[in-house]
């Protein structure tokens, strides 16, 4: 009998306009409801690790394993049929290493992008 995969859990910053846009897109693409999205900024949210860590880097849990950065994005992509090929490609350690390097660069410009996204949503 095939093992049923757990729902992927994604933690995001609901106070971040940039994050809200991205998660909004992922929710629209997640037509099978394979992902549970948890707003870390919500007082009711249950955080499996330090809230500050969850806000500093993107986190997801796939099959009971906590992932962060590019690995967490790849887990989310694997749960969405349209993005699954990219998520599966990221299982290759060289591809994942390249994606993580890009993610670290993104983290450096994220505050500027958040400010732009905030201005655009007003």
Foldseek 3Di string as FASTA:
>chain_A
DDDDWAQKEWEEAPVFLVRVVVVVVLVVQLPVNSYHYFHLNDPPGDDPDDSVVCHLWIWMATRNRIDTALLRVLRSLCSGVVSNVVSVVCVPVVNVVVRRVVRVVCSVCVVVVSVVSVVVVD
